[in-house]
Amino acid sequence: MQTWTPLGHEPGVVLEELTRLYWCGVERDLLCIMVSLHIWSHDRYASIVRSALSPQHEAEARWSGFEAFVARATGAEGEEL
């Protein structure tokens, strides 16, 4: 178990740490992501993937990336970064 380490008040330190944590999570989940993409590439899932990417669903689609991670981690979700 890791212990908490104070980050300090220097500019950019929190963003650096959030970036590190984000990429640790990506690395941890990369195999699952790759397997999922491989499965979805099969023909039997083509209609589902096309439907999910259609213009009518585009407004509902919520792509999560680093910005969404930072917003959730800092409590700024819903605000423009």
N, C-alpha and C. Protein backbone atom coordinates (compact mmCIF):
# COMPACT_ATOMS: atom_id res chain seq x y z
N MET A 1 0.83 -1.19 0.00
CA MET A 1 0.00 0.00 0.00
C MET A 1 0.88 1.25 0.00
N GLN A 2 0.54 2.17 -0.88
CA GLN A 2 1.31 3.41 -0.94
C GLN A 2 0.78 4.40 0.09
N THR A 3 1.68 5.23 0.59
CA THR A 3 1.27 6.27 1.51
C THR A 3 1.13 7.57 0.75
N TRP A 4 0.38 8.49 1.32
CA TRP A 4 0.20 9.80 0.70
C TRP A 4 1.48 10.61 0.82
N THR A 5 1.80 11.32 -0.25
CA THR A 5 2.96 12.20 -0.25
C THR A 5 2.49 13.61 -0.61
N PRO A 6 2.78 14.60 0.23
CA PRO A 6 2.39 15.97 -0.13
C PRO A 6 3.07 16.41 -1.42
N LEU A 7 2.33 17.13 -2.27
CA LEU A 7 2.87 17.56 -3.55
C LEU A 7 3.53 18.92 -3.48
N GLY A 8 3.18 19.74 -2.53
CA GLY A 8 3.73 21.09 -2.46
C GLY A 8 2.86 22.07 -3.21
N HIS A 9 3.33 23.30 -3.29
CA HIS A 9 2.54 24.37 -3.88
C HIS A 9 3.17 24.95 -5.15
N GLU A 10 4.17 24.31 -5.68
CA GLU A 10 4.81 24.84 -6.88
C GLU A 10 3.86 24.72 -8.08
N PRO A 11 3.87 25.74 -8.96
CA PRO A 11 3.00 25.69 -10.14
C PRO A 11 3.34 24.47 -11.01
N GLY A 12 2.33 23.81 -11.47
CA GLY A 12 2.52 22.68 -12.37
C GLY A 12 2.70 21.34 -11.69
N VAL A 13 2.92 21.32 -10.39
CA VAL A 13 3.17 20.05 -9.69
C VAL A 13 1.94 19.16 -9.72
N VAL A 14 0.77 19.75 -9.47
CA VAL A 14 -0.46 18.96 -9.46
C VAL A 14 -0.75 18.41 -10.86
N LEU A 15 -0.60 19.25 -11.87
CA LEU A 15 -0.82 18.80 -13.24
C LEU A 15 0.14 17.68 -13.62
N GLU A 16 1.40 17.81 -13.21
CA GLU A 16 2.39 16.74 -13.47
C GLU A 16 1.95 15.43 -12.82
N GLU A 17 1.51 15.51 -11.57
CA GLU A 17 1.10 14.31 -10.85
C GLU A 17 -0.17 13.71 -11.47
N LEU A 18 -1.12 14.54 -11.86
CA LEU A 18 -2.32 14.04 -12.52
C LEU A 18 -1.98 13.36 -13.85
N THR A 19 -1.04 13.95 -14.58
CA THR A 19 -0.60 13.35 -15.84
C THR A 19 0.02 11.98 -15.59
N ARG A 20 0.86 11.89 -14.58
CA ARG A 20 1.48 10.60 -14.23
C ARG A 20 0.42 9.57 -13.86
N LEU A 21 -0.53 9.97 -13.02
CA LEU A 21 -1.58 9.04 -12.61
C LEU A 21 -2.44 8.59 -13.78
N TYR A 22 -2.76 9.53 -14.68
CA TYR A 22 -3.56 9.20 -15.86
C TYR A 22 -2.87 8.13 -16.70
N TRP A 23 -1.59 8.34 -17.00
CA TRP A 23 -0.88 7.40 -17.85
C TRP A 23 -0.62 6.07 -17.15
N CYS A 24 -0.51 6.07 -15.83
CA CYS A 24 -0.43 4.80 -15.08
C CYS A 24 -1.71 4.00 -15.28
N GLY A 25 -2.85 4.70 -15.23
CA GLY A 25 -4.13 4.03 -15.45
C GLY A 25 -4.27 3.51 -16.86
N VAL A 26 -3.84 4.30 -17.84
CA VAL A 26 -3.88 3.85 -19.24
C VAL A 26 -3.02 2.60 -19.41
N GLU A 27 -1.82 2.64 -18.85
CA GLU A 27 -0.92 1.49 -18.96
C GLU A 27 -1.55 0.25 -18.31
N ARG A 28 -2.18 0.45 -17.16
CA ARG A 28 -2.81 -0.67 -16.45
C ARG A 28 -3.95 -1.28 -17.27
N ASP A 29 -4.72 -0.43 -17.98
CA ASP A 29 -5.90 -0.90 -18.70
C ASP A 29 -5.66 -1.16 -20.17
N LEU A 30 -4.45 -0.94 -20.66
CA LEU A 30 -4.19 -1.02 -22.09
C LEU A 30 -4.53 -2.38 -22.69
N LEU A 31 -4.19 -3.45 -22.03
CA LEU A 31 -4.50 -4.77 -22.57
C LEU A 31 -6.00 -4.95 -22.74
N CYS A 32 -6.79 -4.55 -21.76
CA CYS A 32 -8.25 -4.66 -21.86
C CYS A 32 -8.79 -3.81 -23.01
N ILE A 33 -8.23 -2.60 -23.17
CA ILE A 33 -8.65 -1.72 -24.26
C ILE A 33 -8.35 -2.37 -25.61
N MET A 34 -7.14 -2.91 -25.76
CA MET A 34 -6.75 -3.53 -27.02
C MET A 34 -7.61 -4.76 -27.34
N VAL A 35 -7.88 -5.58 -26.34
CA VAL A 35 -8.72 -6.77 -26.54
C VAL A 35 -10.12 -6.34 -26.96
N SER A 36 -10.67 -5.32 -26.29
CA SER A 36 -12.01 -4.83 -26.64
C SER A 36 -12.06 -4.32 -28.07
N LEU A 37 -11.07 -3.53 -28.47
CA LEU A 37 -11.03 -3.03 -29.84
C LEU A 37 -10.93 -4.16 -30.85
N HIS A 38 -10.15 -5.18 -30.53
CA HIS A 38 -10.03 -6.33 -31.43
C HIS A 38 -11.37 -7.06 -31.58
N ILE A 39 -12.05 -7.26 -30.46
CA ILE A 39 -13.35 -7.95 -30.50
C ILE A 39 -14.35 -7.13 -31.31
N TRP A 40 -14.39 -5.82 -31.06
CA TRP A 40 -15.35 -4.98 -31.77
C TRP A 40 -15.05 -4.87 -33.26
N SER A 41 -13.85 -5.22 -33.68
CA SER A 41 -13.51 -5.14 -35.10
C SER A 41 -14.09 -6.29 -35.90
N HIS A 42 -14.60 -7.32 -35.23
CA HIS A 42 -15.20 -8.46 -35.94
C HIS A 42 -16.51 -8.06 -36.62
N ASP A 43 -16.82 -8.70 -37.72
CA ASP A 43 -18.00 -8.36 -38.52
C ASP A 43 -19.30 -8.41 -37.72
N ARG A 44 -19.42 -9.34 -36.79
CA ARG A 44 -20.70 -9.47 -36.08
C ARG A 44 -21.00 -8.26 -35.20
N TYR A 45 -20.01 -7.43 -34.90
CA TYR A 45 -20.22 -6.23 -34.10
C TYR A 45 -20.27 -4.95 -34.95
N ALA A 46 -20.11 -5.09 -36.27
CA ALA A 46 -20.01 -3.92 -37.14
C ALA A 46 -21.25 -3.02 -37.05
N SER A 47 -22.44 -3.61 -37.02
CA SER A 47 -23.66 -2.79 -36.97
C SER A 47 -23.77 -2.03 -35.65
N ILE A 48 -23.33 -2.65 -34.57
CA ILE A 48 -23.37 -1.99 -33.26
C ILE A 48 -22.40 -0.81 -33.24
N VAL A 49 -21.20 -1.03 -33.77
CA VAL A 49 -20.19 0.04 -33.79
C VAL A 49 -20.67 1.17 -34.69
N ARG A 50 -21.21 0.85 -35.88
CA ARG A 50 -21.72 1.90 -36.78
C ARG A 50 -22.84 2.69 -36.11
N SER A 51 -23.72 2.00 -35.42
CA SER A 51 -24.83 2.66 -34.73
C SER A 51 -24.31 3.61 -33.65
N ALA A 52 -23.32 3.17 -32.90
CA ALA A 52 -22.76 3.99 -31.83
C ALA A 52 -22.05 5.22 -32.37
N LEU A 53 -21.55 5.14 -33.60
CA LEU A 53 -20.81 6.25 -34.19
C LEU A 53 -21.68 7.11 -35.10
N SER A 54 -22.97 6.82 -35.18
CA SER A 54 -23.86 7.56 -36.07
C SER A 54 -24.06 8.98 -35.55
N PRO A 55 -24.41 9.92 -36.46
CA PRO A 55 -24.60 11.32 -36.05
C PRO A 55 -25.65 11.49 -34.94
N GLN A 56 -26.70 10.66 -34.95
CA GLN A 56 -27.73 10.82 -33.93
C GLN A 56 -27.22 10.50 -32.53
N HIS A 57 -26.18 9.67 -32.44
CA HIS A 57 -25.60 9.34 -31.14
C HIS A 57 -24.39 10.19 -30.79
N GLU A 58 -23.95 10.99 -31.76
CA GLU A 58 -22.73 11.77 -31.55
C GLU A 58 -22.87 12.73 -30.38
N ALA A 59 -24.04 13.36 -30.25
CA ALA A 59 -24.25 14.31 -29.17
C ALA A 59 -24.21 13.62 -27.81
N GLU A 60 -24.61 12.36 -27.77
CA GLU A 60 -24.63 11.61 -26.51
C GLU A 60 -23.27 11.02 -26.16
N ALA A 61 -22.43 10.90 -27.17
CA ALA A 61 -21.13 10.26 -26.95
C ALA A 61 -20.29 11.11 -26.01
N ARG A 62 -19.66 10.46 -25.08
CA ARG A 62 -18.81 11.19 -24.14
C ARG A 62 -17.45 10.50 -24.13
N TRP A 63 -16.55 11.08 -24.89
CA TRP A 63 -15.21 10.51 -24.97
C TRP A 63 -14.41 10.99 -23.77
N SER A 64 -13.92 10.08 -23.00
CA SER A 64 -13.12 10.44 -21.84
C SER A 64 -11.65 10.37 -22.20
N GLY A 65 -10.95 11.34 -21.79
CA GLY A 65 -9.51 11.39 -21.98
C GLY A 65 -8.89 12.10 -20.81
N PHE A 66 -7.72 12.64 -21.03
CA PHE A 66 -7.00 13.30 -19.95
C PHE A 66 -7.79 14.46 -19.36
N GLU A 67 -8.42 15.28 -20.21
CA GLU A 67 -9.17 16.43 -19.72
C GLU A 67 -10.31 16.00 -18.81
N ALA A 68 -11.03 14.94 -19.20
CA ALA A 68 -12.13 14.45 -18.37
C ALA A 68 -11.59 13.89 -17.05
N PHE A 69 -10.46 13.21 -17.11
CA PHE A 69 -9.82 12.67 -15.90
C PHE A 69 -9.46 13.81 -14.95
N VAL A 70 -8.85 14.87 -15.47
CA VAL A 70 -8.46 16.01 -14.64
C VAL A 70 -9.70 16.67 -14.04
N ALA A 71 -10.75 16.82 -14.85
CA ALA A 71 -11.97 17.45 -14.35
C ALA A 71 -12.57 16.64 -13.20
N ARG A 72 -12.61 15.32 -13.34
CA ARG A 72 -13.15 14.48 -12.25
C ARG A 72 -12.23 14.51 -11.05
N ALA A 73 -10.92 14.49 -11.27
CA ALA A 73 -9.97 14.45 -10.16
C ALA A 73 -9.94 15.76 -9.38
N THR A 74 -10.24 16.87 -10.04
CA THR A 74 -10.17 18.16 -9.38
C THR A 74 -11.53 18.70 -8.97
N GLY A 75 -12.60 17.98 -9.30
CA GLY A 75 -13.93 18.43 -8.98
C GLY A 75 -14.45 19.48 -9.93
N ALA A 76 -13.80 19.66 -11.08
CA ALA A 76 -14.19 20.67 -12.06
C ALA A 76 -15.03 20.08 -13.17
N GLU A 77 -15.62 18.90 -12.95
CA GLU A 77 -16.41 18.24 -13.99
C GLU A 77 -17.56 19.15 -14.41
N GLY A 78 -17.76 19.28 -15.72
CA GLY A 78 -18.79 20.15 -16.25
C GLY A 78 -18.27 21.53 -16.59
N GLU A 79 -17.11 21.89 -16.11
CA GLU A 79 -16.50 23.18 -16.43
C GLU A 79 -15.57 23.00 -17.62
N GLU A 80 -15.41 24.06 -18.39
CA GLU A 80 -14.49 23.98 -19.53
C GLU A 80 -13.08 24.17 -19.03
N LEU A 81 -12.19 23.26 -19.48
CA LEU A 81 -10.79 23.34 -19.04
C LEU A 81 -9.97 24.18 -19.99
